[in-house]
Protein backbone atom coordinates (compact mmCIF):
# COMPACT_ATOMS: atom_id res chain seq x y z
CA MET A 1 21.86 -27.42 -31.55
CA SER A 2 25.23 -27.88 -33.10
CA MET A 3 28.09 -25.35 -33.34
CA ALA A 4 27.77 -25.24 -37.09
CA ALA A 5 24.24 -24.00 -36.78
CA LEU A 6 25.44 -21.23 -34.37
CA GLN A 7 28.17 -20.29 -36.68
CA MET A 8 26.03 -20.33 -39.87
CA GLY A 9 28.81 -20.83 -42.27
CA LYS A 10 30.59 -17.80 -43.54
CA TYR A 11 27.62 -15.62 -42.63
CA GLY A 12 27.61 -16.09 -38.86
CA VAL A 13 29.64 -12.83 -38.04
CA TYR A 14 27.31 -10.98 -40.04
CA VAL A 15 23.97 -12.55 -38.65
CA TRP A 16 25.10 -12.54 -34.97
CA SER A 17 26.41 -8.83 -35.23
CA CYS A 18 23.04 -7.99 -36.55
CA TYR A 19 21.13 -9.82 -33.67
CA GLY A 20 23.55 -7.88 -31.26
CA LEU A 21 23.00 -4.50 -32.79
CA THR A 22 19.15 -4.98 -32.81
CA LEU A 23 19.31 -6.15 -29.10
CA ILE A 24 21.32 -3.01 -28.21
CA GLY A 25 18.81 -0.66 -30.08
CA LEU A 26 15.96 -2.43 -28.39
CA LEU A 27 17.44 -1.94 -24.81
CA PHE A 28 18.25 1.59 -25.86
CA LEU A 29 14.63 2.35 -26.89
CA VAL A 30 13.33 0.76 -23.56
CA PHE A 31 15.51 2.78 -21.26
CA ALA A 32 14.89 6.04 -23.14
CA ALA A 33 11.08 5.46 -23.05
CA ARG A 34 11.41 4.96 -19.21
CA ARG A 35 13.58 7.97 -18.69
CA GLN A 36 11.29 10.16 -20.76
CA ARG A 37 8.29 8.97 -18.76
CA GLN A 38 9.88 9.83 -15.57
CA HIS A 39 10.77 13.11 -17.13
CA GLU A 40 7.08 13.75 -18.15
CA VAL A 41 5.61 12.67 -14.74
CA LEU A 42 7.85 15.07 -12.84
CA GLN A 43 6.87 17.96 -15.35
CA ALA A 44 3.11 16.96 -14.73
CA LYS A 45 3.53 17.06 -11.04
CA ARG A 46 5.42 20.48 -11.21
CA ARG A 47 2.51 21.84 -13.37
CA ILE A 48 -0.08 20.62 -10.83
CA ARG A 49 1.84 22.05 -7.90
CA MET A 50 2.11 25.28 -9.70
CA ALA A 51 -1.65 25.50 -10.52
CA GLU A 52 -2.65 24.86 -6.89
CA GLN A 53 -0.29 27.57 -5.69
CA SER A 54 -1.80 29.98 -8.30
CA GLN A 55 -5.31 29.00 -7.05
CA GLN A 56 -4.23 29.68 -3.43
CA THR A 57 -2.84 32.97 -4.28
CA ASP A 58 -5.96 33.84 -6.16
CA MET A 59 -8.17 32.89 -3.36
CA GLU A 60 -5.95 34.88 -0.84
CA VAL A 61 -6.01 37.94 -3.18
CA ARG A 62 -9.87 37.77 -3.43
CA SER A 63 -10.22 37.47 0.47
């Protein structure tokens, strides 16, 4: 690949900046999705723990 193909004439700055912004956007989406998933997993674990504690409390009250 020649240097002229990488520069793309007078449109090189526009094209490569678009590629760069797209890459940044995709990376942001990947990291945001991972962070959101971790948050959802922690919330689910918390809800499960609270439900188990509630069941134990109900069983103790009934005994």
